N, C-alpha and C. Protein backbone atom coordinates (compact mmCIF):
# COMPACT_ATOMS: atom_id res chain seq x y z
N GLY A 1 43.61 -54.58 -211.15
CA GLY A 1 44.53 -53.50 -210.82
C GLY A 1 44.92 -53.50 -209.36
N ASP A 2 43.93 -53.69 -208.48
CA ASP A 2 44.23 -53.68 -207.05
C ASP A 2 45.13 -54.83 -206.64
N LEU A 3 44.98 -55.98 -207.30
CA LEU A 3 45.74 -57.16 -206.94
C LEU A 3 47.24 -56.97 -207.19
N ILE A 4 47.61 -56.27 -208.26
CA ILE A 4 49.03 -56.07 -208.54
C ILE A 4 49.69 -55.25 -207.44
N LEU A 5 48.94 -54.33 -206.82
CA LEU A 5 49.51 -53.50 -205.77
C LEU A 5 49.44 -54.17 -204.40
N SER A 6 48.36 -54.87 -204.14
CA SER A 6 48.19 -55.45 -202.81
C SER A 6 48.85 -56.82 -202.65
N ASP A 7 48.93 -57.59 -203.73
CA ASP A 7 49.48 -58.94 -203.63
C ASP A 7 50.16 -59.31 -204.95
N PRO A 8 51.36 -58.76 -205.20
CA PRO A 8 52.04 -59.01 -206.48
C PRO A 8 52.25 -60.49 -206.79
N GLU A 9 52.48 -61.31 -205.78
CA GLU A 9 52.74 -62.73 -206.04
C GLU A 9 51.49 -63.42 -206.59
N THR A 10 50.32 -63.11 -206.02
CA THR A 10 49.08 -63.68 -206.54
C THR A 10 48.81 -63.15 -207.93
N PHE A 11 49.08 -61.85 -208.13
CA PHE A 11 48.90 -61.26 -209.47
C PHE A 11 49.75 -62.00 -210.49
N MET A 12 51.02 -62.23 -210.16
CA MET A 12 51.92 -62.91 -211.10
C MET A 12 51.42 -64.32 -211.40
N GLY A 13 50.84 -64.97 -210.40
CA GLY A 13 50.33 -66.32 -210.61
C GLY A 13 49.10 -66.36 -211.51
N LYS A 14 48.32 -65.28 -211.53
CA LYS A 14 47.08 -65.26 -212.31
C LYS A 14 47.22 -64.57 -213.66
N SER A 15 48.20 -63.74 -213.83
CA SER A 15 48.32 -62.92 -215.03
C SER A 15 48.81 -63.74 -216.21
N GLU A 16 48.17 -63.59 -217.36
CA GLU A 16 48.62 -64.27 -218.58
C GLU A 16 49.95 -63.70 -219.07
N THR A 17 50.25 -62.47 -218.70
CA THR A 17 51.53 -61.87 -219.08
C THR A 17 52.69 -62.70 -218.57
N PHE A 18 52.48 -63.35 -217.44
CA PHE A 18 53.56 -64.09 -216.82
C PHE A 18 53.56 -65.57 -217.18
N ALA A 19 52.86 -65.93 -218.27
CA ALA A 19 52.85 -67.33 -218.69
C ALA A 19 54.27 -67.80 -219.01
N LEU A 20 55.06 -66.97 -219.68
CA LEU A 20 56.45 -67.33 -219.95
C LEU A 20 57.32 -67.01 -218.74
N PHE A 21 57.20 -65.80 -218.20
CA PHE A 21 58.03 -65.34 -217.10
C PHE A 21 57.33 -65.63 -215.77
N ASP A 22 57.14 -66.89 -215.45
CA ASP A 22 56.46 -67.25 -214.21
C ASP A 22 57.51 -67.47 -213.13
N TYR A 23 57.82 -66.40 -212.41
CA TYR A 23 58.86 -66.45 -211.40
C TYR A 23 58.53 -67.44 -210.28
N SER A 24 57.25 -67.69 -210.05
CA SER A 24 56.88 -68.61 -208.99
C SER A 24 57.37 -70.03 -209.27
N LEU A 25 57.59 -70.37 -210.53
CA LEU A 25 58.06 -71.71 -210.88
C LEU A 25 59.57 -71.85 -210.73
N ALA A 26 60.25 -70.76 -210.45
CA ALA A 26 61.72 -70.78 -210.38
C ALA A 26 62.25 -70.81 -208.95
N ARG A 27 61.38 -71.10 -208.00
CA ARG A 27 61.77 -71.03 -206.59
C ARG A 27 62.49 -72.28 -206.07
N ASP A 28 62.56 -73.32 -206.90
CA ASP A 28 63.32 -74.50 -206.48
C ASP A 28 64.05 -75.05 -207.71
N THR A 29 64.76 -76.13 -207.53
CA THR A 29 65.59 -76.66 -208.62
C THR A 29 65.16 -78.07 -209.03
N THR A 30 63.88 -78.36 -208.89
CA THR A 30 63.38 -79.64 -209.37
C THR A 30 63.49 -79.68 -210.89
N THR A 31 63.39 -80.86 -211.44
CA THR A 31 63.42 -81.01 -212.89
C THR A 31 62.31 -80.19 -213.54
N ALA A 32 61.12 -80.20 -212.93
CA ALA A 32 59.98 -79.44 -213.47
C ALA A 32 60.24 -77.93 -213.41
N ALA A 33 60.83 -77.46 -212.31
CA ALA A 33 61.12 -76.03 -212.18
C ALA A 33 62.16 -75.59 -213.21
N LEU A 34 63.19 -76.39 -213.39
CA LEU A 34 64.22 -76.05 -214.38
C LEU A 34 63.64 -76.03 -215.79
N ALA A 35 62.79 -77.00 -216.11
CA ALA A 35 62.18 -77.05 -217.44
C ALA A 35 61.25 -75.87 -217.68
N ALA A 36 60.51 -75.45 -216.67
CA ALA A 36 59.60 -74.32 -216.81
C ALA A 36 60.34 -72.99 -216.90
N THR A 37 61.49 -72.90 -216.26
CA THR A 37 62.25 -71.66 -216.19
C THR A 37 63.17 -71.48 -217.39
N LYS A 38 63.66 -72.56 -217.95
CA LYS A 38 64.65 -72.51 -219.03
C LYS A 38 64.23 -71.66 -220.23
N PRO A 39 62.99 -71.72 -220.73
CA PRO A 39 62.66 -70.90 -221.91
C PRO A 39 62.86 -69.40 -221.69
N TRP A 40 62.46 -68.87 -220.53
CA TRP A 40 62.65 -67.43 -220.35
C TRP A 40 64.08 -67.09 -219.98
N VAL A 41 64.79 -67.98 -219.32
CA VAL A 41 66.21 -67.74 -219.07
C VAL A 41 66.97 -67.70 -220.40
N ASP A 42 66.66 -68.61 -221.30
CA ASP A 42 67.29 -68.61 -222.63
C ASP A 42 66.96 -67.33 -223.40
N TYR A 43 65.70 -66.93 -223.36
CA TYR A 43 65.27 -65.71 -224.07
C TYR A 43 66.03 -64.48 -223.56
N VAL A 44 66.03 -64.30 -222.25
CA VAL A 44 66.72 -63.14 -221.67
C VAL A 44 68.22 -63.22 -221.92
N SER A 45 68.79 -64.42 -221.84
CA SER A 45 70.23 -64.58 -222.08
C SER A 45 70.61 -64.19 -223.50
N ASN A 46 69.78 -64.56 -224.46
CA ASN A 46 70.05 -64.18 -225.85
C ASN A 46 69.98 -62.67 -226.04
N LEU A 47 68.99 -62.02 -225.45
CA LEU A 47 68.93 -60.56 -225.52
C LEU A 47 70.17 -59.94 -224.90
N THR A 48 70.56 -60.45 -223.76
CA THR A 48 71.72 -59.90 -223.05
C THR A 48 73.00 -60.08 -223.84
N ARG A 49 73.20 -61.25 -224.44
CA ARG A 49 74.42 -61.47 -225.24
C ARG A 49 74.48 -60.48 -226.40
N ALA A 50 73.34 -60.12 -226.98
CA ALA A 50 73.32 -59.16 -228.08
C ALA A 50 73.62 -57.74 -227.58
N GLU A 51 73.15 -57.41 -226.40
CA GLU A 51 73.32 -56.05 -225.85
C GLU A 51 74.68 -55.83 -225.18
N ALA A 52 75.23 -56.87 -224.62
CA ALA A 52 76.40 -56.74 -223.75
C ALA A 52 77.59 -56.02 -224.36
N PRO A 53 77.98 -56.30 -225.60
CA PRO A 53 79.17 -55.62 -226.11
C PRO A 53 79.07 -54.09 -226.07
N ARG A 54 77.88 -53.56 -226.30
CA ARG A 54 77.72 -52.10 -226.26
C ARG A 54 77.58 -51.58 -224.83
N LEU A 55 76.90 -52.34 -223.97
CA LEU A 55 76.65 -51.87 -222.61
C LEU A 55 77.89 -51.92 -221.73
N VAL A 56 78.67 -52.96 -221.84
CA VAL A 56 79.84 -53.11 -220.97
C VAL A 56 80.76 -51.91 -221.08
N ARG A 57 80.91 -51.37 -222.28
CA ARG A 57 81.79 -50.20 -222.48
C ARG A 57 81.30 -48.97 -221.72
N LEU A 58 80.03 -48.92 -221.39
CA LEU A 58 79.44 -47.76 -220.73
C LEU A 58 79.48 -47.84 -219.20
N ILE A 59 79.87 -48.97 -218.68
CA ILE A 59 79.85 -49.17 -217.24
C ILE A 59 81.20 -48.82 -216.65
N ASP A 60 81.16 -48.02 -215.59
CA ASP A 60 82.39 -47.57 -214.94
C ASP A 60 82.39 -48.05 -213.49
N ILE A 61 83.07 -49.15 -213.28
CA ILE A 61 83.30 -49.64 -211.92
C ILE A 61 84.80 -49.87 -211.77
N PRO A 62 85.31 -49.71 -210.57
CA PRO A 62 86.76 -49.88 -210.40
C PRO A 62 87.19 -51.33 -210.58
N GLN A 63 88.36 -51.51 -211.15
CA GLN A 63 88.93 -52.85 -211.27
C GLN A 63 89.07 -53.42 -209.86
N GLY A 64 88.78 -54.69 -209.71
CA GLY A 64 88.86 -55.33 -208.40
C GLY A 64 87.62 -55.17 -207.54
N ALA A 65 86.56 -54.61 -208.11
CA ALA A 65 85.33 -54.37 -207.35
C ALA A 65 84.60 -55.67 -207.05
N LEU A 66 83.83 -55.65 -205.98
CA LEU A 66 82.86 -56.70 -205.70
C LEU A 66 81.54 -56.23 -206.29
N VAL A 67 81.04 -56.96 -207.29
CA VAL A 67 79.82 -56.60 -208.00
C VAL A 67 78.71 -57.57 -207.61
N LEU A 68 77.56 -57.02 -207.25
CA LEU A 68 76.37 -57.82 -207.00
C LEU A 68 75.36 -57.50 -208.08
N GLU A 69 74.84 -58.54 -208.74
CA GLU A 69 73.88 -58.35 -209.82
C GLU A 69 72.56 -59.05 -209.49
N PRO A 70 71.66 -58.36 -208.77
CA PRO A 70 70.34 -58.94 -208.52
C PRO A 70 69.58 -59.11 -209.84
N GLY A 71 68.94 -60.24 -210.00
CA GLY A 71 68.23 -60.50 -211.25
C GLY A 71 69.17 -60.74 -212.40
N GLY A 72 70.36 -61.26 -212.12
CA GLY A 72 71.39 -61.44 -213.14
C GLY A 72 71.19 -62.60 -214.09
N ASN A 73 70.06 -63.30 -213.96
CA ASN A 73 69.68 -64.35 -214.88
C ASN A 73 70.78 -65.41 -214.98
N SER A 74 71.13 -65.80 -216.18
CA SER A 74 72.08 -66.90 -216.40
C SER A 74 73.53 -66.49 -216.21
N GLY A 75 73.76 -65.22 -215.93
CA GLY A 75 75.14 -64.73 -215.82
C GLY A 75 75.71 -64.29 -217.15
N ALA A 76 74.87 -64.17 -218.19
CA ALA A 76 75.36 -63.78 -219.51
C ALA A 76 76.03 -62.40 -219.48
N PHE A 77 75.44 -61.46 -218.75
CA PHE A 77 76.04 -60.12 -218.69
C PHE A 77 77.33 -60.17 -217.88
N ALA A 78 77.33 -60.91 -216.79
CA ALA A 78 78.54 -61.05 -215.98
C ALA A 78 79.68 -61.64 -216.81
N ARG A 79 79.37 -62.63 -217.64
CA ARG A 79 80.40 -63.27 -218.46
C ARG A 79 80.99 -62.31 -219.48
N SER A 80 80.22 -61.31 -219.89
CA SER A 80 80.74 -60.28 -220.80
C SER A 80 81.51 -59.20 -220.05
N LEU A 81 81.06 -58.89 -218.84
CA LEU A 81 81.65 -57.81 -218.06
C LEU A 81 82.98 -58.20 -217.43
N ILE A 82 83.08 -59.41 -216.93
CA ILE A 82 84.28 -59.83 -216.18
C ILE A 82 85.58 -59.67 -216.97
N PRO A 83 85.68 -60.12 -218.23
CA PRO A 83 86.96 -59.98 -218.94
C PRO A 83 87.34 -58.54 -219.27
N VAL A 84 86.35 -57.64 -219.26
CA VAL A 84 86.62 -56.25 -219.62
C VAL A 84 86.90 -55.39 -218.38
N LEU A 85 86.09 -55.55 -217.32
CA LEU A 85 86.20 -54.68 -216.15
C LEU A 85 86.96 -55.30 -214.98
N HIS A 86 87.23 -56.58 -215.02
CA HIS A 86 88.06 -57.29 -214.04
C HIS A 86 87.64 -57.08 -212.58
N PRO A 87 86.38 -57.38 -212.25
CA PRO A 87 86.02 -57.32 -210.83
C PRO A 87 86.70 -58.45 -210.08
N SER A 88 86.86 -58.27 -208.78
CA SER A 88 87.42 -59.38 -207.98
C SER A 88 86.40 -60.51 -207.89
N ARG A 89 85.12 -60.13 -207.77
CA ARG A 89 84.02 -61.10 -207.74
C ARG A 89 82.78 -60.47 -208.35
N HIS A 90 82.01 -61.28 -209.04
CA HIS A 90 80.73 -60.86 -209.61
C HIS A 90 79.71 -61.90 -209.16
N VAL A 91 78.79 -61.49 -208.30
CA VAL A 91 77.80 -62.40 -207.74
C VAL A 91 76.46 -62.18 -208.43
N VAL A 92 75.99 -63.19 -209.14
CA VAL A 92 74.68 -63.15 -209.76
C VAL A 92 73.69 -63.67 -208.73
N PHE A 93 72.71 -62.84 -208.42
CA PHE A 93 71.72 -63.14 -207.39
C PHE A 93 70.36 -63.26 -208.05
N ASP A 94 69.81 -64.46 -208.06
CA ASP A 94 68.53 -64.67 -208.73
C ASP A 94 67.82 -65.83 -208.06
N LEU A 95 66.66 -66.17 -208.59
CA LEU A 95 65.88 -67.28 -208.06
C LEU A 95 66.63 -68.60 -208.22
N PRO A 96 66.35 -69.59 -207.36
CA PRO A 96 67.13 -70.83 -207.38
C PRO A 96 67.22 -71.53 -208.74
N ALA A 97 66.11 -71.68 -209.46
CA ALA A 97 66.18 -72.37 -210.76
C ALA A 97 67.01 -71.57 -211.76
N VAL A 98 66.92 -70.26 -211.70
CA VAL A 98 67.68 -69.41 -212.61
C VAL A 98 69.18 -69.56 -212.34
N CYS A 99 69.56 -69.55 -211.07
CA CYS A 99 70.97 -69.74 -210.72
C CYS A 99 71.47 -71.11 -211.15
N ALA A 100 70.65 -72.14 -210.94
CA ALA A 100 71.07 -73.49 -211.35
C ALA A 100 71.28 -73.56 -212.85
N LEU A 101 70.40 -72.94 -213.62
CA LEU A 101 70.57 -72.93 -215.07
C LEU A 101 71.81 -72.13 -215.47
N GLY A 102 72.07 -71.03 -214.77
CA GLY A 102 73.27 -70.26 -215.04
C GLY A 102 74.53 -71.05 -214.76
N GLN A 103 74.54 -71.79 -213.66
CA GLN A 103 75.71 -72.60 -213.31
C GLN A 103 75.94 -73.70 -214.34
N GLN A 104 74.86 -74.22 -214.93
CA GLN A 104 75.01 -75.25 -215.96
C GLN A 104 75.72 -74.71 -217.19
N ARG A 105 75.74 -73.41 -217.38
CA ARG A 105 76.40 -72.80 -218.54
C ARG A 105 77.89 -72.62 -218.33
N GLY A 106 78.36 -73.00 -217.17
CA GLY A 106 79.79 -72.90 -216.89
C GLY A 106 80.10 -71.75 -215.96
N THR A 107 81.28 -71.81 -215.39
CA THR A 107 81.68 -70.79 -214.43
C THR A 107 82.96 -70.11 -214.88
N MET A 108 83.29 -69.08 -214.17
CA MET A 108 84.55 -68.35 -214.33
C MET A 108 85.07 -68.15 -212.91
N PRO A 109 86.36 -67.96 -212.73
CA PRO A 109 86.88 -67.81 -211.36
C PRO A 109 86.21 -66.69 -210.56
N GLN A 110 85.88 -65.58 -211.20
CA GLN A 110 85.29 -64.46 -210.47
C GLN A 110 83.78 -64.54 -210.35
N LEU A 111 83.13 -65.48 -211.04
CA LEU A 111 81.68 -65.55 -211.12
C LEU A 111 81.11 -66.55 -210.12
N SER A 112 80.12 -66.10 -209.36
CA SER A 112 79.40 -67.02 -208.49
C SER A 112 77.90 -66.71 -208.57
N PHE A 113 77.12 -67.68 -208.18
CA PHE A 113 75.66 -67.56 -208.20
C PHE A 113 75.13 -67.71 -206.79
N ALA A 114 74.20 -66.84 -206.43
CA ALA A 114 73.58 -66.87 -205.11
C ALA A 114 72.07 -66.95 -205.28
N PRO A 115 71.48 -68.10 -205.01
CA PRO A 115 70.03 -68.21 -205.14
C PRO A 115 69.31 -67.55 -203.96
N GLY A 116 68.21 -66.88 -204.26
CA GLY A 116 67.44 -66.25 -203.19
C GLY A 116 66.39 -65.33 -203.75
N ASP A 117 65.96 -64.40 -202.91
CA ASP A 117 64.89 -63.46 -203.24
C ASP A 117 65.40 -62.05 -203.01
N MET A 118 65.59 -61.29 -204.07
CA MET A 118 66.18 -59.95 -203.95
C MET A 118 65.30 -58.99 -203.17
N ARG A 119 64.03 -59.32 -203.00
CA ARG A 119 63.13 -58.46 -202.24
C ARG A 119 63.27 -58.66 -200.74
N ARG A 120 63.87 -59.76 -200.33
CA ARG A 120 63.89 -60.09 -198.91
C ARG A 120 65.28 -60.35 -198.33
N ASP A 121 66.15 -60.95 -199.10
CA ASP A 121 67.45 -61.37 -198.57
C ASP A 121 68.37 -60.18 -198.34
N ASP A 122 69.27 -60.33 -197.38
CA ASP A 122 70.25 -59.30 -197.06
C ASP A 122 71.29 -59.23 -198.17
N LEU A 123 71.36 -58.11 -198.85
CA LEU A 123 72.24 -57.99 -200.03
C LEU A 123 73.72 -58.09 -199.67
N ARG A 124 74.12 -57.54 -198.53
CA ARG A 124 75.52 -57.66 -198.11
C ARG A 124 75.89 -59.11 -197.85
N GLU A 125 74.97 -59.83 -197.20
CA GLU A 125 75.23 -61.24 -196.92
C GLU A 125 75.31 -62.04 -198.21
N VAL A 126 74.42 -61.76 -199.15
CA VAL A 126 74.41 -62.46 -200.43
C VAL A 126 75.72 -62.23 -201.17
N ALA A 127 76.21 -60.99 -201.15
CA ALA A 127 77.44 -60.64 -201.87
C ALA A 127 78.69 -61.11 -201.15
N GLY A 128 78.57 -61.44 -199.88
CA GLY A 128 79.75 -61.81 -199.11
C GLY A 128 80.46 -60.60 -198.54
N GLY A 129 79.76 -59.51 -198.42
CA GLY A 129 80.30 -58.25 -197.91
C GLY A 129 79.66 -57.10 -198.65
N PRO A 130 79.98 -55.88 -198.26
CA PRO A 130 79.39 -54.72 -198.94
C PRO A 130 79.89 -54.63 -200.39
N PRO A 131 78.98 -54.68 -201.36
CA PRO A 131 79.42 -54.60 -202.75
C PRO A 131 79.90 -53.19 -203.12
N ASN A 132 80.86 -53.14 -204.01
CA ASN A 132 81.31 -51.85 -204.56
C ASN A 132 80.36 -51.35 -205.63
N ALA A 133 79.64 -52.29 -206.25
CA ALA A 133 78.66 -51.93 -207.28
C ALA A 133 77.50 -52.92 -207.21
N VAL A 134 76.30 -52.38 -207.33
CA VAL A 134 75.10 -53.20 -207.48
C VAL A 134 74.57 -52.89 -208.88
N LEU A 135 74.46 -53.92 -209.68
CA LEU A 135 74.11 -53.78 -211.09
C LEU A 135 72.70 -54.33 -211.33
N PHE A 136 71.81 -53.46 -211.78
CA PHE A 136 70.46 -53.87 -212.17
C PHE A 136 70.39 -53.82 -213.70
N LYS A 137 70.53 -54.98 -214.32
CA LYS A 137 70.48 -55.07 -215.79
C LYS A 137 69.12 -55.63 -216.19
N SER A 138 68.28 -54.77 -216.77
CA SER A 138 66.95 -55.18 -217.26
C SER A 138 66.13 -55.83 -216.16
N VAL A 139 66.09 -55.19 -214.99
CA VAL A 139 65.39 -55.73 -213.83
C VAL A 139 64.28 -54.81 -213.35
N LEU A 140 64.58 -53.55 -213.18
CA LEU A 140 63.66 -52.65 -212.49
C LEU A 140 62.33 -52.48 -213.22
N HIS A 141 62.31 -52.61 -214.54
CA HIS A 141 61.06 -52.45 -215.28
C HIS A 141 60.06 -53.56 -214.95
N ASP A 142 60.51 -54.65 -214.36
CA ASP A 142 59.64 -55.77 -214.02
C ASP A 142 58.76 -55.50 -212.80
N TRP A 143 59.06 -54.45 -212.06
CA TRP A 143 58.42 -54.24 -210.77
C TRP A 143 57.57 -52.97 -210.75
N PRO A 144 56.49 -52.98 -209.95
CA PRO A 144 55.78 -51.72 -209.71
C PRO A 144 56.77 -50.70 -209.14
N LEU A 145 56.53 -49.43 -209.37
CA LEU A 145 57.49 -48.39 -208.99
C LEU A 145 57.86 -48.44 -207.51
N GLU A 146 56.91 -48.71 -206.65
CA GLU A 146 57.21 -48.77 -205.22
C GLU A 146 58.20 -49.89 -204.91
N ASP A 147 58.02 -51.03 -205.56
CA ASP A 147 58.95 -52.14 -205.36
C ASP A 147 60.32 -51.84 -205.95
N ALA A 148 60.35 -51.21 -207.12
CA ALA A 148 61.62 -50.83 -207.74
C ALA A 148 62.36 -49.85 -206.83
N ALA A 149 61.63 -48.90 -206.27
CA ALA A 149 62.25 -47.93 -205.35
C ALA A 149 62.81 -48.64 -204.12
N ASP A 150 62.09 -49.65 -203.62
CA ASP A 150 62.57 -50.41 -202.47
C ASP A 150 63.84 -51.18 -202.82
N LEU A 151 63.87 -51.79 -204.00
CA LEU A 151 65.08 -52.51 -204.43
C LEU A 151 66.28 -51.57 -204.49
N LEU A 152 66.06 -50.38 -205.03
CA LEU A 152 67.15 -49.40 -205.12
C LEU A 152 67.59 -48.94 -203.73
N ALA A 153 66.64 -48.71 -202.84
CA ALA A 153 66.99 -48.27 -201.48
C ALA A 153 67.78 -49.36 -200.76
N ARG A 154 67.38 -50.61 -200.93
CA ARG A 154 68.09 -51.71 -200.30
C ARG A 154 69.50 -51.85 -200.89
N ALA A 155 69.62 -51.64 -202.18
CA ALA A 155 70.93 -51.70 -202.83
C ALA A 155 71.83 -50.60 -202.30
N ARG A 156 71.28 -49.41 -202.19
CA ARG A 156 72.07 -48.27 -201.70
C ARG A 156 72.57 -48.51 -200.27
N ALA A 157 71.69 -49.06 -199.43
CA ALA A 157 72.06 -49.32 -198.04
C ALA A 157 73.14 -50.40 -197.93
N ALA A 158 73.19 -51.30 -198.90
CA ALA A 158 74.16 -52.39 -198.86
C ALA A 158 75.54 -52.00 -199.36
N LEU A 159 75.63 -50.92 -200.14
CA LEU A 159 76.89 -50.55 -200.80
C LEU A 159 78.04 -50.27 -199.83
N ALA A 160 79.23 -50.60 -200.28
CA ALA A 160 80.45 -50.18 -199.59
C ALA A 160 80.58 -48.66 -199.75
N PRO A 161 81.29 -47.99 -198.84
CA PRO A 161 81.50 -46.55 -199.00
C PRO A 161 82.08 -46.24 -200.39
N GLY A 162 81.50 -45.27 -201.06
CA GLY A 162 81.95 -44.89 -202.39
C GLY A 162 81.42 -45.78 -203.49
N GLY A 163 80.60 -46.77 -203.14
CA GLY A 163 80.06 -47.70 -204.12
C GLY A 163 79.03 -47.04 -205.03
N CYS A 164 78.61 -47.77 -206.05
CA CYS A 164 77.67 -47.21 -207.02
C CYS A 164 76.59 -48.22 -207.40
N ILE A 165 75.50 -47.69 -207.87
CA ILE A 165 74.42 -48.49 -208.43
C ILE A 165 74.41 -48.24 -209.92
N VAL A 166 74.38 -49.32 -210.70
CA VAL A 166 74.36 -49.22 -212.15
C VAL A 166 73.00 -49.75 -212.61
N ILE A 167 72.29 -48.94 -213.40
CA ILE A 167 70.99 -49.32 -213.95
C ILE A 167 71.10 -49.36 -215.46
N ALA A 168 70.80 -50.51 -216.03
CA ALA A 168 70.80 -50.67 -217.49
C ALA A 168 69.44 -51.25 -217.89
N GLU A 169 68.63 -50.47 -218.58
CA GLU A 169 67.31 -50.90 -219.03
C GLU A 169 67.26 -50.80 -220.55
N ARG A 170 66.36 -51.58 -221.16
CA ARG A 170 66.23 -51.58 -222.61
C ARG A 170 65.49 -50.36 -223.14
N GLY A 171 64.82 -49.66 -222.28
CA GLY A 171 64.07 -48.48 -222.68
C GLY A 171 64.13 -47.45 -221.58
N PRO A 172 63.52 -46.31 -221.80
CA PRO A 172 63.52 -45.27 -220.77
C PRO A 172 62.89 -45.78 -219.47
N PHE A 173 63.49 -45.45 -218.38
CA PHE A 173 62.95 -45.82 -217.07
C PHE A 173 62.82 -44.54 -216.28
N ALA A 174 61.64 -44.00 -216.25
CA ALA A 174 61.42 -42.69 -215.64
C ALA A 174 60.74 -42.80 -214.28
N GLY A 175 60.78 -43.95 -213.67
CA GLY A 175 60.04 -44.17 -212.45
C GLY A 175 60.63 -43.60 -211.19
N MET A 176 61.88 -43.23 -211.18
CA MET A 176 62.50 -42.78 -209.93
C MET A 176 62.62 -41.28 -209.91
């Protein structure tokens, strides 16, 4: 219990829960990293493709918005959102192997991938400017509440004036 709070990275490396979702293996784009990351990227992408038609209708962002999606996985949600909401750009921000796998699935003119670490990297820099919307799709439940609160605070600080944060989780998220 103490390890998850004091050293989440070591906890993730030791926990059997993370045997499939081992984020530490997705930090580079070697053949081994891509092979280790692909099963959970595929799993999450399939869930997202099933959920997207219902979720996209519920999202209200202005046409032409700059959207940043930390933890956007393969870009499956972005690929569903772009034709409906018409953002000027949708930046999927995830670990390097995840972004590489997403790029292998093809691109769209408005879609780009930014590899990095959402806990540390400057969100405005990653997005290429202050985003009009920061979208957390099935992300916040992965983190201890303190870390989730930090991600939200960093997203809020990065937003353009009048921007919004969109949270889409598969279940109730009562942590904030």
